Amino acid sequence: SFWLSLILVLVFSVNLGWLPAQAPQGSISEVLLQPSGLILPVATITLISVALFSRYMRSTTIDNLTQDYVRTAKAKGAGTARILFGHVLRNAISPILTLLGLSLPFILSGTLITERVFNYPGMGLLFYNAAVTQDYPVLLAVTLVVALATVLGSVFADVCYALLDPRIRYARG
């Protein structure tokens, strides 16, 4: 992320001059008044996440293409688009939902490297500064927020599993 963020700053801020090199500072209203300052930090985090998700999606799709139900659909004369979007996608997206649910704390807490490069006062930088200054209440609060995001992301993934896969049903205890 460090390398990618520096390349984005070099290309879009220094060479082209289209976007600011720093993220907007201050309160939420000041940040929302300068949305162009968030493009590069968000692009850095998004491009890295998309690369990770696309690798997982590719491997699960390849695994699902060798399954018996794909051969059966081909034998029945189903087209490639119907097989990919009607059968394979639904089964291949399940592991991606787990990654998406567990990436919620990453998105919420931000990334320290990206925040340092773009001088953005996010939760990752807050956690780092609290660790350096030994501010234990802030450390505990950030840890609690990230833990809560992990639990909510896991619940989100479980609910999406139940909606996506009809074989998964949760019984009342």
C-alpha atoms as a PDB file:
ATOM      1  CA  SER A   1       0.000   0.000   0.000  1.00  0.00           C
ATOM      2  CA  PHE A   2       2.926   2.312   0.640  1.00  0.00           C
ATOM      3  CA  TRP A   3       4.266   1.860  -2.885  1.00  0.00           C
ATOM      4  CA  LEU A   4       0.834   2.176  -4.500  1.00  0.00           C
ATOM      5  CA  SER A   5      -0.067   5.306  -2.547  1.00  0.00           C
ATOM      6  CA  LEU A   6       3.234   6.966  -3.466  1.00  0.00           C
ATOM      7  CA  ILE A   7       2.721   6.118  -7.156  1.00  0.00           C
ATOM      8  CA  LEU A   8      -0.822   7.546  -7.034  1.00  0.00           C
ATOM      9  CA  VAL A   9       0.434  10.754  -5.412  1.00  0.00           C
ATOM     10  CA  LEU A  10       3.252  11.055  -7.927  1.00  0.00           C
ATOM     11  CA  VAL A  11       0.986  10.564 -10.936  1.00  0.00           C
ATOM     12  CA  PHE A  12      -2.231  12.339  -9.928  1.00  0.00           C
ATOM     13  CA  SER A  13      -0.917  15.072  -7.625  1.00  0.00           C
ATOM     14  CA  VAL A  14       2.598  15.907  -8.694  1.00  0.00           C
ATOM     15  CA  ASN A  15       2.624  15.176 -12.437  1.00  0.00           C
ATOM     16  CA  LEU A  16      -0.989  15.840 -13.441  1.00  0.00           C
ATOM     17  CA  GLY A  17      -2.047  18.156 -10.606  1.00  0.00           C
ATOM     18  CA  TRP A  18      -5.591  16.794 -10.624  1.00  0.00           C
ATOM     19  CA  LEU A  19      -5.926  15.782  -6.966  1.00  0.00           C
ATOM     20  CA  PRO A  20      -4.488  17.032  -3.683  1.00  0.00           C
ATOM     21  CA  ALA A  21      -1.615  15.039  -2.214  1.00  0.00           C
ATOM     22  CA  GLN A  22      -3.078  15.191   1.294  1.00  0.00           C
ATOM     23  CA  ALA A  23      -6.433  14.074   2.574  1.00  0.00           C
ATOM     24  CA  PRO A  24      -8.669  16.792   4.019  1.00  0.00           C
ATOM     25  CA  GLN A  25      -8.085  17.600   7.683  1.00  0.00           C
ATOM     26  CA  GLY A  26     -10.492  18.506  10.447  1.00  0.00           C
ATOM     27  CA  SER A  27     -14.057  17.599  11.224  1.00  0.00           C
ATOM     28  CA  ILE A  28     -16.450  15.498   9.152  1.00  0.00           C
ATOM     29  CA  SER A  29     -18.033  18.591   7.592  1.00  0.00           C
ATOM     30  CA  GLU A  30     -14.628  19.833   6.409  1.00  0.00           C
ATOM     31  CA  VAL A  31     -13.819  16.409   4.987  1.00  0.00           C
ATOM     32  CA  LEU A  32     -17.137  16.261   3.138  1.00  0.00           C
ATOM     33  CA  LEU A  33     -16.558  19.718   1.679  1.00  0.00           C
ATOM     34  CA  GLN A  34     -13.360  18.460   0.002  1.00  0.00           C
ATOM     35  CA  PRO A  35     -14.290  15.059  -1.469  1.00  0.00           C
ATOM     36  CA  SER A  36     -11.489  15.199  -4.037  1.00  0.00           C
ATOM     37  CA  GLY A  37      -8.987  14.827  -1.202  1.00  0.00           C
ATOM     38  CA  LEU A  38     -10.400  11.404  -0.363  1.00  0.00           C
ATOM     39  CA  ILE A  39     -10.045   9.950  -3.858  1.00  0.00           C
ATOM     40  CA  LEU A  40      -6.410   8.878  -3.564  1.00  0.00           C
ATOM     41  CA  PRO A  41      -6.627   7.301  -0.059  1.00  0.00           C
ATOM     42  CA  VAL A  42      -9.827   5.457  -0.950  1.00  0.00           C
ATOM     43  CA  ALA A  43      -8.357   4.350  -4.278  1.00  0.00           C
ATOM     44  CA  THR A  44      -5.283   2.963  -2.510  1.00  0.00           C
ATOM     45  CA  ILE A  45      -7.307   0.881  -0.064  1.00  0.00           C
ATOM     46  CA  THR A  46      -9.808  -0.179  -2.738  1.00  0.00           C
ATOM     47  CA  LEU A  47      -7.260  -1.272  -5.327  1.00  0.00           C
ATOM     48  CA  ILE A  48      -5.496  -3.492  -2.821  1.00  0.00           C
ATOM     49  CA  SER A  49      -8.794  -5.014  -1.645  1.00  0.00           C
ATOM     50  CA  VAL A  50     -10.037  -5.581  -5.189  1.00  0.00           C
ATOM     51  CA  ALA A  51      -6.808  -7.380  -6.072  1.00  0.00           C
ATOM     52  CA  LEU A  52      -7.222  -9.690  -3.082  1.00  0.00           C
ATOM     53  CA  PHE A  53     -10.896 -10.395  -3.763  1.00  0.00           C
ATOM     54  CA  SER A  54     -10.342 -11.017  -7.472  1.00  0.00           C
ATOM     55  CA  ARG A  55      -7.643 -13.613  -6.752  1.00  0.00           C
ATOM     56  CA  TYR A  56      -9.951 -15.481  -4.385  1.00  0.00           C
ATOM     57  CA  MET A  57     -12.876 -15.223  -6.785  1.00  0.00           C
ATOM     58  CA  ARG A  58     -10.776 -16.587  -9.629  1.00  0.00           C
ATOM     59  CA  SER A  59      -9.582 -19.596  -7.631  1.00  0.00           C
ATOM     60  CA  THR A  60     -13.050 -20.470  -6.284  1.00  0.00           C
ATOM     61  CA  THR A  61     -14.534 -20.118  -9.768  1.00  0.00           C
ATOM     62  CA  ILE A  62     -11.923 -22.469 -11.211  1.00  0.00           C
ATOM     63  CA  ASP A  63     -12.669 -24.955  -8.410  1.00  0.00           C
ATOM     64  CA  ASN A  64     -16.404 -24.762  -9.074  1.00  0.00           C
ATOM     65  CA  LEU A  65     -15.992 -25.187 -12.833  1.00  0.00           C
ATOM     66  CA  THR A  66     -14.739 -28.734 -12.227  1.00  0.00           C
ATOM     67  CA  GLN A  67     -17.789 -29.758 -10.192  1.00  0.00           C
ATOM     68  CA  ASP A  68     -20.346 -32.324 -11.336  1.00  0.00           C
ATOM     69  CA  TYR A  69     -23.233 -29.848 -11.514  1.00  0.00           C
ATOM     70  CA  VAL A  70     -21.355 -27.839 -14.158  1.00  0.00           C
ATOM     71  CA  ARG A  71     -20.854 -30.958 -16.281  1.00  0.00           C
ATOM     72  CA  THR A  72     -24.538 -31.792 -15.841  1.00  0.00           C
ATOM     73  CA  ALA A  73     -25.574 -28.299 -16.921  1.00  0.00           C
ATOM     74  CA  LYS A  74     -23.303 -28.538 -19.969  1.00  0.00           C
ATOM     75  CA  ALA A  75     -24.762 -31.950 -20.825  1.00  0.00           C
ATOM     76  CA  LYS A  76     -28.279 -30.507 -20.642  1.00  0.00           C
ATOM     77  CA  GLY A  77     -27.242 -27.849 -23.160  1.00  0.00           C
ATOM     78  CA  ALA A  78     -27.011 -24.787 -20.934  1.00  0.00           C
ATOM     79  CA  GLY A  79     -25.028 -21.896 -22.381  1.00  0.00           C
ATOM     80  CA  THR A  80     -21.793 -20.587 -20.941  1.00  0.00           C
ATOM     81  CA  ALA A  81     -23.407 -17.443 -19.517  1.00  0.00           C
ATOM     82  CA  ARG A  82     -26.155 -19.453 -17.820  1.00  0.00           C
ATOM     83  CA  ILE A  83     -23.617 -21.848 -16.327  1.00  0.00           C
ATOM     84  CA  LEU A  84     -21.341 -19.069 -15.086  1.00  0.00           C
ATOM     85  CA  PHE A  85     -23.981 -16.698 -13.742  1.00  0.00           C
ATOM     86  CA  GLY A  86     -26.708 -19.178 -12.831  1.00  0.00           C
ATOM     87  CA  HIS A  87     -24.669 -21.939 -11.240  1.00  0.00           C
ATOM     88  CA  VAL A  88     -21.000 -21.150 -10.684  1.00  0.00           C
ATOM     89  CA  LEU A  89     -21.246 -17.557  -9.408  1.00  0.00           C
ATOM     90  CA  ARG A  90     -23.696 -18.414  -6.660  1.00  0.00           C
ATOM     91  CA  ASN A  91     -21.426 -21.136  -5.287  1.00  0.00           C
ATOM     92  CA  ALA A  92     -18.152 -19.303  -5.865  1.00  0.00           C
ATOM     93  CA  ILE A  93     -19.196 -16.162  -4.044  1.00  0.00           C
ATOM     94  CA  SER A  94     -19.641 -17.864  -0.652  1.00  0.00           C
ATOM     95  CA  PRO A  95     -15.939 -17.714   0.339  1.00  0.00           C
ATOM     96  CA  ILE A  96     -15.847 -14.112  -0.862  1.00  0.00           C
ATOM     97  CA  LEU A  97     -18.623 -13.259   1.592  1.00  0.00           C
ATOM     98  CA  THR A  98     -16.442 -14.489   4.434  1.00  0.00           C
ATOM     99  CA  LEU A  99     -13.594 -12.270   3.260  1.00  0.00           C
ATOM    100  CA  LEU A 100     -15.946  -9.330   2.827  1.00  0.00           C
ATOM    101  CA  GLY A 101     -17.355  -9.760   6.315  1.00  0.00           C
ATOM    102  CA  LEU A 102     -13.928 -10.069   7.865  1.00  0.00           C
ATOM    103  CA  SER A 103     -12.577  -7.085   5.927  1.00  0.00           C
ATOM    104  CA  LEU A 104     -15.047  -4.774   7.687  1.00  0.00           C
ATOM    105  CA  PRO A 105     -12.638  -4.140  10.600  1.00  0.00           C
ATOM    106  CA  PHE A 106      -9.884  -3.407   8.081  1.00  0.00           C
ATOM    107  CA  ILE A 107     -12.092  -0.853   6.339  1.00  0.00           C
ATOM    108  CA  LEU A 108     -13.287   0.665   9.596  1.00  0.00           C
ATOM    109  CA  SER A 109      -9.934   0.907  11.307  1.00  0.00           C
ATOM    110  CA  GLY A 110      -8.189   2.062   8.173  1.00  0.00           C
ATOM    111  CA  THR A 111      -4.649   1.339   7.277  1.00  0.00           C
ATOM    112  CA  LEU A 112      -1.843   3.011   9.111  1.00  0.00           C
ATOM    113  CA  ILE A 113       0.424   3.248   6.079  1.00  0.00           C
ATOM    114  CA  THR A 114      -2.217   4.871   3.888  1.00  0.00           C
ATOM    115  CA  GLU A 115      -3.133   7.293   6.657  1.00  0.00           C
ATOM    116  CA  ARG A 116       0.497   8.267   7.142  1.00  0.00           C
ATOM    117  CA  VAL A 117       1.163   8.842   3.441  1.00  0.00           C
ATOM    118  CA  PHE A 118      -1.943  10.972   2.941  1.00  0.00           C
ATOM    119  CA  ASN A 119      -1.772  12.610   6.386  1.00  0.00           C
ATOM    120  CA  TYR A 120      -5.293  11.456   7.183  1.00  0.00           C
ATOM    121  CA  PRO A 121      -6.252  11.345  10.872  1.00  0.00           C
ATOM    122  CA  GLY A 122      -8.003   7.960  10.852  1.00  0.00           C
ATOM    123  CA  MET A 123      -8.377   5.200  13.413  1.00  0.00           C
ATOM    124  CA  GLY A 124      -5.163   3.456  12.428  1.00  0.00           C
ATOM    125  CA  LEU A 125      -3.179   6.615  13.084  1.00  0.00           C
ATOM    126  CA  LEU A 126      -5.145   7.176  16.291  1.00  0.00           C
ATOM    127  CA  PHE A 127      -4.224   3.680  17.469  1.00  0.00           C
ATOM    128  CA  TYR A 128      -0.563   4.182  16.568  1.00  0.00           C
ATOM    129  CA  ASN A 129      -0.336   7.536  18.342  1.00  0.00           C
ATOM    130  CA  ALA A 130      -2.085   6.115  21.413  1.00  0.00           C
ATOM    131  CA  ALA A 131       0.371   3.204  21.497  1.00  0.00           C
ATOM    132  CA  VAL A 132       3.369   5.537  21.241  1.00  0.00           C
ATOM    133  CA  THR A 133       2.088   7.820  24.007  1.00  0.00           C
ATOM    134  CA  GLN A 134       0.797   4.884  26.105  1.00  0.00           C
ATOM    135  CA  ASP A 135      -2.753   6.219  26.123  1.00  0.00           C
ATOM    136  CA  TYR A 136      -4.439   3.012  27.288  1.00  0.00           C
ATOM    137  CA  PRO A 137      -8.079   4.185  27.280  1.00  0.00           C
ATOM    138  CA  VAL A 138      -7.802   5.157  23.609  1.00  0.00           C
ATOM    139  CA  LEU A 139      -6.093   1.846  22.806  1.00  0.00           C
ATOM    140  CA  LEU A 140      -8.897  -0.063  24.500  1.00  0.00           C
ATOM    141  CA  ALA A 141     -11.578   1.994  22.741  1.00  0.00           C
ATOM    142  CA  VAL A 142     -10.084   1.408  19.290  1.00  0.00           C
ATOM    143  CA  THR A 143      -9.656  -2.294  20.077  1.00  0.00           C
ATOM    144  CA  LEU A 144     -13.307  -2.474  21.157  1.00  0.00           C
ATOM    145  CA  VAL A 145     -14.504  -0.770  17.964  1.00  0.00           C
ATOM    146  CA  VAL A 146     -12.437  -3.104  15.774  1.00  0.00           C
ATOM    147  CA  ALA A 147     -13.649  -6.152  17.723  1.00  0.00           C
ATOM    148  CA  LEU A 148     -17.250  -4.997  17.331  1.00  0.00           C
ATOM    149  CA  ALA A 149     -16.685  -4.526  13.603  1.00  0.00           C
ATOM    150  CA  THR A 150     -15.293  -8.074  13.416  1.00  0.00           C
ATOM    151  CA  VAL A 151     -18.374  -9.511  15.086  1.00  0.00           C
ATOM    152  CA  LEU A 152     -20.735  -7.457  12.910  1.00  0.00           C
ATOM    153  CA  GLY A 153     -18.828  -8.470   9.782  1.00  0.00           C
ATOM    154  CA  SER A 154     -19.089 -12.131  10.745  1.00  0.00           C
ATOM    155  CA  VAL A 155     -22.835 -11.802  11.385  1.00  0.00           C
ATOM    156  CA  PHE A 156     -23.201 -10.009   8.038  1.00  0.00           C
ATOM    157  CA  ALA A 157     -21.414 -12.873   6.267  1.00  0.00           C
ATOM    158  CA  ASP A 158     -23.604 -15.473   8.002  1.00  0.00           C
ATOM    159  CA  VAL A 159     -26.811 -13.675   7.037  1.00  0.00           C
ATOM    160  CA  CYS A 160     -25.624 -13.376   3.443  1.00  0.00           C
ATOM    161  CA  TYR A 161     -24.817 -17.097   3.414  1.00  0.00           C
ATOM    162  CA  ALA A 162     -28.373 -17.903   4.475  1.00  0.00           C
ATOM    163  CA  LEU A 163     -29.816 -15.627   1.794  1.00  0.00           C
ATOM    164  CA  LEU A 164     -27.496 -16.885  -0.939  1.00  0.00           C
ATOM    165  CA  ASP A 165     -27.421 -20.634  -0.323  1.00  0.00           C
ATOM    166  CA  PRO A 166     -30.800 -22.337   0.141  1.00  0.00           C
ATOM    167  CA  ARG A 167     -29.093 -25.384   1.689  1.00  0.00           C
ATOM    168  CA  ILE A 168     -28.058 -23.306   4.712  1.00  0.00           C
ATOM    169  CA  ARG A 169     -30.795 -22.700   7.222  1.00  0.00           C
ATOM    170  CA  TYR A 170     -30.367 -21.691  10.820  1.00  0.00           C
ATOM    171  CA  ALA A 171     -32.633 -23.450  13.283  1.00  0.00           C
ATOM    172  CA  ARG A 172     -33.935 -21.826  16.415  1.00  0.00           C
ATOM    173  CA  GLY A 173     -32.228 -23.151  19.507  1.00  0.00           C
END
